Structures are given as structure tokens and as C-alpha cells.
Amino acid sequence: MLTKNLLPAIVLASSATTVAAGPAHVVHRRAVEVISAREEDVPVDSTAAPAPTYTPKPVLSRDGVCWNSILDLQWSISQLEFQSSVVTVPGEESNDAWGYVSFNLSNTATTYTADCTAASNTNADAGFFNGGQEYLCSLSDGAPQGSQVAFHFNKASGAVSIQETILCSEGEISGTFITRGTAEVALTCSEETSENEEYTNHEVNCGPVDASLWPSQIVGLDEY
């Protein structure tokens, strides 16, 4: 099919050739005349909406306070404690066993804090927490909607892994950052076993201890 974009090429080819005009030349010329006539007869729709214009999205400022705070982010873990209790009753196969971990978390980029607490009644042989389960923290007042803090804890190694979603706002531009980091906390623990004729209770108490850690990964998502 011929289009208007091909018309100059067709006209040029027919005028530059030295071969006598034949049927093909006549067909090309007639096609040019027909297409030109049809395009001239097409009415212009003055009511048609104009084509949409492309407006580039703004880029999150990289020299703002929030951006710099994210790049220098540091977490502070305070009052990390671990307790566990395993109660064994003679003659019974099942035990009453629970483990608890708790700490407070703050960082250098936000004003709110996180209260991180978890309980587990599985993996008693591994200290109840083997690092495979994710737990959500409670955020204090002032945390923007969409903010989140989650953690993993491994009792055997003392590893605490943090994943935090931080929302920044600079003027009319906002950005969401996903931050992740892990640190091994040195736990100081004591153990005590008490027993009587009805049961034996083995308790472990660790902490409280403070620690600091830095992100190993920061992922920024722009939102508009």
C-alpha cells in the first residue's frame, strides 16, 4: 500500500529514470494522484482532542536531608533480652516450652522507634529462634502510614537481621526506601534448673544488651 510518506520517493524515481514510461510508471503516477486527492478531501476535525503531551516525572532529590540520612543510616538496638523456659513433666511426652525475645530499635533517619517482641514454642533445641521466621515490630506514634520494621533472630549465633521500610518526603516528592542489615549480638546468658516431684523447669535468661548495626542493602523506590 502506498502512503504519503512514500510519495516523494516515487516522484523522484519517476523523474530521474531514462526508461520510457510504461504501464508500471502510469500505475505509480495514478496512485499518487488518487492518494493526494483523497487526503485533500479529508475534512479536518476541529473538535478532536489534542494529542497528550509527555511530562517527565521528577527525580527524587539526592541532596535532601532525607536522602543523606538514608545513606548514613545506623540502627541502634537497645535492651535486647532473651528468656526461655522448658517445663518437663515426668511421664508425659509433650513439654511446655516457650522462648521470648524483645528489644527496642531506633535509627538515625526517623524520629519514631520500634518495639520488637516475639515468642516461639518451636525449635526448643535450637533456642526457639533459628533465624528462619520473620517477626513484625510495633511502631511508635509519628510513623508514616506504610512504614514497617521486621526482624529475624538466631539464638545460637546471636544474629539479628533487620528489614525496615522508611518513607521520606521532601517537598512534593516522596520516596520509599527498603533497608536491610544484620549484626551478631554477643549475648550473656545464665541458666537455671529447678525441679520437684511434679515437673522440672529449665530457664535461660540473656541480656539486656545494646548493639549497633548498619544496612548492607538500601533499595530506593520513587513515588509521586
C-alpha atoms as a PDB file:
ATOM      1  CA  MET A   1       0.000   0.000   0.000  1.00  0.00           C
ATOM      2  CA  LEU A   2       1.272   3.483  -0.812  1.00  0.00           C
ATOM      3  CA  THR A   3       1.395   6.114   1.867  1.00  0.00           C
ATOM      4  CA  LYS A   4       2.011   9.812   1.771  1.00  0.00           C
ATOM      5  CA  ASN A   5       5.492   9.293   3.203  1.00  0.00           C
ATOM      6  CA  LEU A   6       6.447   7.356   0.086  1.00  0.00           C
ATOM      7  CA  LEU A   7       5.216   9.984  -2.382  1.00  0.00           C
ATOM      8  CA  PRO A   8       8.475  11.990  -2.692  1.00  0.00           C
ATOM      9  CA  ALA A   9      10.446   8.805  -3.310  1.00  0.00           C
ATOM     10  CA  ILE A  10       8.038   7.700  -6.028  1.00  0.00           C
ATOM     11  CA  VAL A  11       8.059  11.107  -7.745  1.00  0.00           C
ATOM     12  CA  LEU A  12      11.873  11.227  -7.628  1.00  0.00           C
ATOM     13  CA  ALA A  13      12.218   7.771  -9.086  1.00  0.00           C
ATOM     14  CA  SER A  14       9.893   8.505 -11.983  1.00  0.00           C
ATOM     15  CA  SER A  15      11.578  11.807 -12.875  1.00  0.00           C
ATOM     16  CA  ALA A  16      15.174  10.506 -12.676  1.00  0.00           C
ATOM     17  CA  THR A  17      14.769   7.377 -14.783  1.00  0.00           C
ATOM     18  CA  THR A  18      15.637   7.423 -18.513  1.00  0.00           C
ATOM     19  CA  VAL A  19      13.473   4.410 -19.309  1.00  0.00           C
ATOM     20  CA  ALA A  20      10.370   5.156 -21.366  1.00  0.00           C
ATOM     21  CA  ALA A  21       7.193   5.369 -19.327  1.00  0.00           C
ATOM     22  CA  GLY A  22       5.409   2.043 -19.305  1.00  0.00           C
ATOM     23  CA  PRO A  23       2.371   0.572 -17.568  1.00  0.00           C
ATOM     24  CA  ALA A  24       4.148   0.484 -14.182  1.00  0.00           C
ATOM     25  CA  HIS A  25       5.014   4.170 -14.394  1.00  0.00           C
ATOM     26  CA  VAL A  26       1.433   5.000 -15.257  1.00  0.00           C
ATOM     27  CA  VAL A  27       0.149   2.980 -12.284  1.00  0.00           C
ATOM     28  CA  HIS A  28       2.553   4.723  -9.878  1.00  0.00           C
ATOM     29  CA  ARG A  29       1.597   8.142 -11.141  1.00  0.00           C
ATOM     30  CA  ARG A  30      -2.099   7.336 -10.962  1.00  0.00           C
ATOM     31  CA  ALA A  31      -1.678   6.060  -7.403  1.00  0.00           C
ATOM     32  CA  VAL A  32      -0.006   9.323  -6.442  1.00  0.00           C
ATOM     33  CA  GLU A  33      -2.896  11.289  -7.897  1.00  0.00           C
ATOM     34  CA  VAL A  34      -5.540   9.161  -6.154  1.00  0.00           C
ATOM     35  CA  ILE A  35      -3.851   9.298  -2.722  1.00  0.00           C
ATOM     36  CA  SER A  36      -3.272  13.049  -2.959  1.00  0.00           C
ATOM     37  CA  ALA A  37      -6.884  13.651  -3.938  1.00  0.00           C
ATOM     38  CA  ARG A  38      -8.243  11.539  -1.079  1.00  0.00           C
ATOM     39  CA  GLU A  39      -6.051  13.234   1.525  1.00  0.00           C
ATOM     40  CA  GLU A  40      -7.105  16.669   0.308  1.00  0.00           C
ATOM     41  CA  ASP A  41     -10.784  15.662   0.613  1.00  0.00           C
ATOM     42  CA  VAL A  42     -10.485  14.512   4.266  1.00  0.00           C
ATOM     43  CA  PRO A  43     -12.125  17.148   6.491  1.00  0.00           C
ATOM     44  CA  VAL A  44     -10.241  18.469   9.497  1.00  0.00           C
ATOM     45  CA  ASP A  45     -11.937  17.698  12.833  1.00  0.00           C
ATOM     46  CA  SER A  46     -11.544  20.896  14.810  1.00  0.00           C
ATOM     47  CA  THR A  47     -13.197  19.305  17.853  1.00  0.00           C
ATOM     48  CA  ALA A  48     -10.668  16.474  18.183  1.00  0.00           C
ATOM     49  CA  ALA A  49      -8.764  16.480  21.454  1.00  0.00           C
ATOM     50  CA  PRO A  50      -5.088  17.386  21.146  1.00  0.00           C
ATOM     51  CA  ALA A  51      -2.560  14.609  21.491  1.00  0.00           C
ATOM     52  CA  PRO A  52      -1.393  14.186  25.089  1.00  0.00           C
ATOM     53  CA  THR A  53       1.956  15.722  25.886  1.00  0.00           C
ATOM     54  CA  TYR A  54       4.627  13.766  27.770  1.00  0.00           C
ATOM     55  CA  THR A  55       5.645  15.254  31.078  1.00  0.00           C
ATOM     56  CA  PRO A  56       8.774  13.700  32.588  1.00  0.00           C
ATOM     57  CA  LYS A  57       8.468  12.602  36.214  1.00  0.00           C
ATOM     58  CA  PRO A  58      10.586  14.458  38.757  1.00  0.00           C
ATOM     59  CA  VAL A  59      13.553  12.630  40.209  1.00  0.00           C
ATOM     60  CA  LEU A  60      13.890  12.210  43.962  1.00  0.00           C
ATOM     61  CA  SER A  61      16.323  14.810  45.201  1.00  0.00           C
ATOM     62  CA  ARG A  62      19.646  13.269  46.144  1.00  0.00           C
ATOM     63  CA  ASP A  63      20.889  16.216  48.129  1.00  0.00           C
ATOM     64  CA  GLY A  64      17.983  16.470  50.560  1.00  0.00           C
ATOM     65  CA  VAL A  65      18.033  15.785  54.284  1.00  0.00           C
ATOM     66  CA  CYS A  66      16.152  12.515  53.962  1.00  0.00           C
ATOM     67  CA  TRP A  67      18.405  11.162  51.215  1.00  0.00           C
ATOM     68  CA  ASN A  68      21.558  11.927  53.168  1.00  0.00           C
ATOM     69  CA  SER A  69      20.074  10.382  56.310  1.00  0.00           C
ATOM     70  CA  ILE A  70      19.302   7.172  54.443  1.00  0.00           C
ATOM     71  CA  LEU A  71      22.830   6.941  53.064  1.00  0.00           C
ATOM     72  CA  ASP A  72      24.237   7.343  56.585  1.00  0.00           C
ATOM     73  CA  LEU A  73      21.591   5.182  58.257  1.00  0.00           C
ATOM     74  CA  GLN A  74      22.527   3.469  61.509  1.00  0.00           C
ATOM     75  CA  TRP A  75      20.308   1.314  63.712  1.00  0.00           C
ATOM     76  CA  SER A  76      20.541   1.147  67.484  1.00  0.00           C
ATOM     77  CA  ILE A  77      19.312  -1.951  69.311  1.00  0.00           C
ATOM     78  CA  SER A  78      18.670  -1.352  72.988  1.00  0.00           C
ATOM     79  CA  GLN A  79      17.712  -3.674  75.825  1.00  0.00           C
ATOM     80  CA  LEU A  80      17.779  -6.885  73.805  1.00  0.00           C
ATOM     81  CA  GLU A  81      16.684  -9.704  76.095  1.00  0.00           C
ATOM     82  CA  PHE A  82      16.022 -13.402  75.620  1.00  0.00           C
ATOM     83  CA  GLN A  83      14.249 -15.749  78.013  1.00  0.00           C
ATOM     84  CA  SER A  84      13.196 -19.342  77.618  1.00  0.00           C
ATOM     85  CA  SER A  85      11.510 -21.893  79.789  1.00  0.00           C
ATOM     86  CA  VAL A  86      11.158 -25.635  79.233  1.00  0.00           C
ATOM     87  CA  VAL A  87       8.914 -27.446  81.687  1.00  0.00           C
ATOM     88  CA  THR A  88       9.140 -31.227  81.668  1.00  0.00           C
ATOM     89  CA  VAL A  89       6.542 -33.347  83.422  1.00  0.00           C
ATOM     90  CA  PRO A  90       7.542 -36.906  84.306  1.00  0.00           C
ATOM     91  CA  GLY A  91       5.619 -39.482  82.309  1.00  0.00           C
ATOM     92  CA  GLU A  92       4.468 -37.004  79.630  1.00  0.00           C
ATOM     93  CA  GLU A  93       5.930 -36.781  76.139  1.00  0.00           C
ATOM     94  CA  SER A  94       4.978 -33.154  75.470  1.00  0.00           C
ATOM     95  CA  ASN A  95       6.721 -30.305  77.230  1.00  0.00           C
ATOM     96  CA  ASP A  96       5.589 -26.786  77.996  1.00  0.00           C
ATOM     97  CA  ALA A  97       8.325 -24.858  76.207  1.00  0.00           C
ATOM     98  CA  TRP A  98       8.498 -21.202  75.199  1.00  0.00           C
ATOM     99  CA  GLY A  99      11.124 -18.684  74.163  1.00  0.00           C
ATOM    100  CA  TYR A 100      10.882 -14.887  74.138  1.00  0.00           C
ATOM    101  CA  VAL A 101      12.996 -12.137  72.602  1.00  0.00           C
ATOM    102  CA  SER A 102      12.484  -8.381  72.841  1.00  0.00           C
ATOM    103  CA  PHE A 103      14.345  -5.152  72.079  1.00  0.00           C
ATOM    104  CA  ASN A 104      13.813  -1.540  71.081  1.00  0.00           C
ATOM    105  CA  LEU A 105      15.019  -0.253  67.721  1.00  0.00           C
ATOM    106  CA  SER A 106      15.769   3.285  66.581  1.00  0.00           C
ATOM    107  CA  ASN A 107      17.667   4.762  63.647  1.00  0.00           C
ATOM    108  CA  THR A 108      19.303   7.993  62.582  1.00  0.00           C
ATOM    109  CA  ALA A 109      16.791   8.762  59.798  1.00  0.00           C
ATOM    110  CA  THR A 110      13.457   8.735  61.664  1.00  0.00           C
ATOM    111  CA  THR A 111      12.078  10.169  64.889  1.00  0.00           C
ATOM    112  CA  TYR A 112       9.851   7.209  65.749  1.00  0.00           C
ATOM    113  CA  THR A 113      11.033   3.941  67.306  1.00  0.00           C
ATOM    114  CA  ALA A 114      10.082   0.278  67.057  1.00  0.00           C
ATOM    115  CA  ASP A 115       9.159  -2.157  69.812  1.00  0.00           C
ATOM    116  CA  CYS A 116      10.229  -5.615  68.650  1.00  0.00           C
ATOM    117  CA  THR A 117       8.912  -8.630  70.564  1.00  0.00           C
ATOM    118  CA  ALA A 118       8.412 -12.251  69.566  1.00  0.00           C
ATOM    119  CA  ALA A 119       7.505 -15.559  71.182  1.00  0.00           C
ATOM    120  CA  SER A 120       8.156 -19.075  69.917  1.00  0.00           C
ATOM    121  CA  ASN A 121       7.225 -22.547  71.109  1.00  0.00           C
ATOM    122  CA  THR A 122       9.105 -24.446  68.397  1.00  0.00           C
ATOM    123  CA  ASN A 123      12.774 -25.320  67.834  1.00  0.00           C
ATOM    124  CA  ALA A 124      13.440 -25.632  71.552  1.00  0.00           C
ATOM    125  CA  ASP A 125      16.681 -27.498  70.868  1.00  0.00           C
ATOM    126  CA  ALA A 126      17.934 -24.539  68.797  1.00  0.00           C
ATOM    127  CA  GLY A 127      16.974 -21.906  71.343  1.00  0.00           C
ATOM    128  CA  PHE A 128      13.470 -21.439  69.891  1.00  0.00           C
ATOM    129  CA  PHE A 129      14.719 -18.923  67.319  1.00  0.00           C
ATOM    130  CA  ASN A 130      16.788 -20.226  64.400  1.00  0.00           C
ATOM    131  CA  GLY A 131      16.588 -17.138  62.166  1.00  0.00           C
ATOM    132  CA  GLY A 132      14.064 -18.598  59.753  1.00  0.00           C
ATOM    133  CA  GLN A 133      10.957 -16.788  60.994  1.00  0.00           C
ATOM    134  CA  GLU A 134      10.152 -13.117  60.367  1.00  0.00           C
ATOM    135  CA  TYR A 135       8.506 -11.061  63.106  1.00  0.00           C
ATOM    136  CA  LEU A 136       6.918  -7.604  62.820  1.00  0.00           C
ATOM    137  CA  CYS A 137       7.648  -4.787  65.261  1.00  0.00           C
ATOM    138  CA  SER A 138       5.209  -2.209  66.628  1.00  0.00           C
ATOM    139  CA  LEU A 139       5.963   1.392  65.665  1.00  0.00           C
ATOM    140  CA  SER A 140       5.549   4.377  67.954  1.00  0.00           C
ATOM    141  CA  ASP A 141       3.379   7.404  67.195  1.00  0.00           C
ATOM    142  CA  GLY A 142       4.534   9.551  64.303  1.00  0.00           C
ATOM    143  CA  ALA A 143       5.422   6.735  61.918  1.00  0.00           C
ATOM    144  CA  PRO A 144       4.039   7.496  58.422  1.00  0.00           C
ATOM    145  CA  GLN A 145       1.490   5.067  57.037  1.00  0.00           C
ATOM    146  CA  GLY A 146       3.334   2.342  55.154  1.00  0.00           C
ATOM    147  CA  SER A 147       6.350   2.305  57.466  1.00  0.00           C
ATOM    148  CA  GLN A 148       7.353  -1.133  58.689  1.00  0.00           C
ATOM    149  CA  VAL A 149      10.056  -2.868  60.716  1.00  0.00           C
ATOM    150  CA  ALA A 150      10.603  -6.634  60.708  1.00  0.00           C
ATOM    151  CA  PHE A 151      13.332  -8.803  62.205  1.00  0.00           C
ATOM    152  CA  HIS A 152      14.817 -12.296  62.312  1.00  0.00           C
ATOM    153  CA  PHE A 153      16.647 -13.654  65.349  1.00  0.00           C
ATOM    154  CA  ASN A 154      19.032 -16.585  65.664  1.00  0.00           C
ATOM    155  CA  LYS A 155      19.622 -17.540  69.280  1.00  0.00           C
ATOM    156  CA  ALA A 156      22.573 -19.839  68.567  1.00  0.00           C
ATOM    157  CA  SER A 157      24.649 -17.192  66.748  1.00  0.00           C
ATOM    158  CA  GLY A 158      23.086 -14.071  68.260  1.00  0.00           C
ATOM    159  CA  ALA A 159      22.365 -12.752  64.742  1.00  0.00           C
ATOM    160  CA  VAL A 160      19.697 -10.061  64.474  1.00  0.00           C
ATOM    161  CA  SER A 161      18.519  -9.185  60.951  1.00  0.00           C
ATOM    162  CA  ILE A 162      16.537  -6.001  60.381  1.00  0.00           C
ATOM    163  CA  GLN A 163      14.402  -5.038  57.405  1.00  0.00           C
ATOM    164  CA  GLU A 164      12.835  -1.594  57.589  1.00  0.00           C
ATOM    165  CA  THR A 165      10.621   0.304  55.171  1.00  0.00           C
ATOM    166  CA  ILE A 166      11.281   4.027  55.568  1.00  0.00           C
ATOM    167  CA  LEU A 167       9.151   6.723  53.938  1.00  0.00           C
ATOM    168  CA  CYS A 168      10.762  10.071  53.145  1.00  0.00           C
ATOM    169  CA  SER A 169       9.061  13.247  51.984  1.00  0.00           C
ATOM    170  CA  GLU A 170      10.879  16.276  50.568  1.00  0.00           C
ATOM    171  CA  GLY A 171       8.567  18.961  49.283  1.00  0.00           C
ATOM    172  CA  GLU A 172       6.196  17.479  46.719  1.00  0.00           C
ATOM    173  CA  ILE A 173       8.335  14.390  46.189  1.00  0.00           C
ATOM    174  CA  SER A 174       8.226  11.299  48.371  1.00  0.00           C
ATOM    175  CA  GLY A 175      10.365   8.199  48.324  1.00  0.00           C
ATOM    176  CA  THR A 176      10.207   4.761  49.903  1.00  0.00           C
ATOM    177  CA  PHE A 177      13.386   3.005  50.971  1.00  0.00           C
ATOM    178  CA  ILE A 178      13.772  -0.683  51.816  1.00  0.00           C
ATOM    179  CA  THR A 179      16.764  -1.166  54.131  1.00  0.00           C
ATOM    180  CA  ARG A 180      18.299  -4.436  55.341  1.00  0.00           C
ATOM    181  CA  GLY A 181      21.119  -5.256  57.715  1.00  0.00           C
ATOM    182  CA  THR A 182      22.402  -7.985  60.048  1.00  0.00           C
ATOM    183  CA  ALA A 183      24.588  -7.950  63.137  1.00  0.00           C
ATOM    184  CA  GLU A 184      25.685 -10.614  65.591  1.00  0.00           C
ATOM    185  CA  VAL A 185      24.930  -9.591  69.146  1.00  0.00           C
ATOM    186  CA  ALA A 186      27.079 -11.002  71.948  1.00  0.00           C
ATOM    187  CA  LEU A 187      24.628 -12.476  74.431  1.00  0.00           C
ATOM    188  CA  THR A 188      25.487 -13.049  78.073  1.00  0.00           C
ATOM    189  CA  CYS A 189      23.218 -15.772  79.405  1.00  0.00           C
ATOM    190  CA  SER A 190      22.550 -17.598  82.621  1.00  0.00           C
ATOM    191  CA  GLU A 191      20.810 -20.943  83.062  1.00  0.00           C
ATOM    192  CA  GLU A 192      18.902 -22.338  85.985  1.00  0.00           C
ATOM    193  CA  THR A 193      17.113 -25.627  86.541  1.00  0.00           C
ATOM    194  CA  SER A 194      14.547 -26.199  89.251  1.00  0.00           C
ATOM    195  CA  GLU A 195      12.658 -29.398  89.904  1.00  0.00           C
ATOM    196  CA  ASN A 196      10.224 -31.059  92.221  1.00  0.00           C
ATOM    197  CA  GLU A 197       8.109 -34.188  92.204  1.00  0.00           C
ATOM    198  CA  GLU A 198       5.700 -32.783  89.593  1.00  0.00           C
ATOM    199  CA  TYR A 199       7.936 -31.125  86.995  1.00  0.00           C
ATOM    200  CA  THR A 200      11.383 -29.873  86.012  1.00  0.00           C
ATOM    201  CA  ASN A 201      11.814 -26.311  84.773  1.00  0.00           C
ATOM    202  CA  HIS A 202      14.901 -25.253  82.816  1.00  0.00           C
ATOM    203  CA  GLU A 203      15.222 -21.492  82.307  1.00  0.00           C
ATOM    204  CA  VAL A 204      17.633 -19.419  80.214  1.00  0.00           C
ATOM    205  CA  ASN A 205      17.967 -15.647  80.623  1.00  0.00           C
ATOM    206  CA  CYS A 206      20.108 -13.460  78.339  1.00  0.00           C
ATOM    207  CA  GLY A 207      20.787  -9.727  78.364  1.00  0.00           C
ATOM    208  CA  PRO A 208      19.845  -6.997  78.352  1.00  0.00           C
ATOM    209  CA  VAL A 209      22.399  -5.873  75.783  1.00  0.00           C
ATOM    210  CA  ASP A 210      22.779  -2.938  73.371  1.00  0.00           C
ATOM    211  CA  ALA A 211      24.188  -3.060  69.845  1.00  0.00           C
ATOM    212  CA  SER A 212      24.525  -1.022  66.649  1.00  0.00           C
ATOM    213  CA  LEU A 213      24.303  -2.113  63.031  1.00  0.00           C
ATOM    214  CA  TRP A 214      24.356  -0.602  59.556  1.00  0.00           C
ATOM    215  CA  PRO A 215      22.435  -1.507  56.396  1.00  0.00           C
ATOM    216  CA  SER A 216      24.039  -3.903  53.959  1.00  0.00           C
ATOM    217  CA  GLN A 217      21.408  -3.053  51.339  1.00  0.00           C
ATOM    218  CA  ILE A 218      19.332   0.038  50.555  1.00  0.00           C
ATOM    219  CA  VAL A 219      16.730  -0.025  47.786  1.00  0.00           C
ATOM    220  CA  GLY A 220      15.007   3.242  46.827  1.00  0.00           C
ATOM    221  CA  LEU A 221      11.576   3.400  45.185  1.00  0.00           C
ATOM    222  CA  ASP A 222      10.281   6.737  43.840  1.00  0.00           C
ATOM    223  CA  GLU A 223       6.607   7.569  44.420  1.00  0.00           C
ATOM    224  CA  TYR A 224       4.676  10.504  43.032  1.00  0.00           C
END
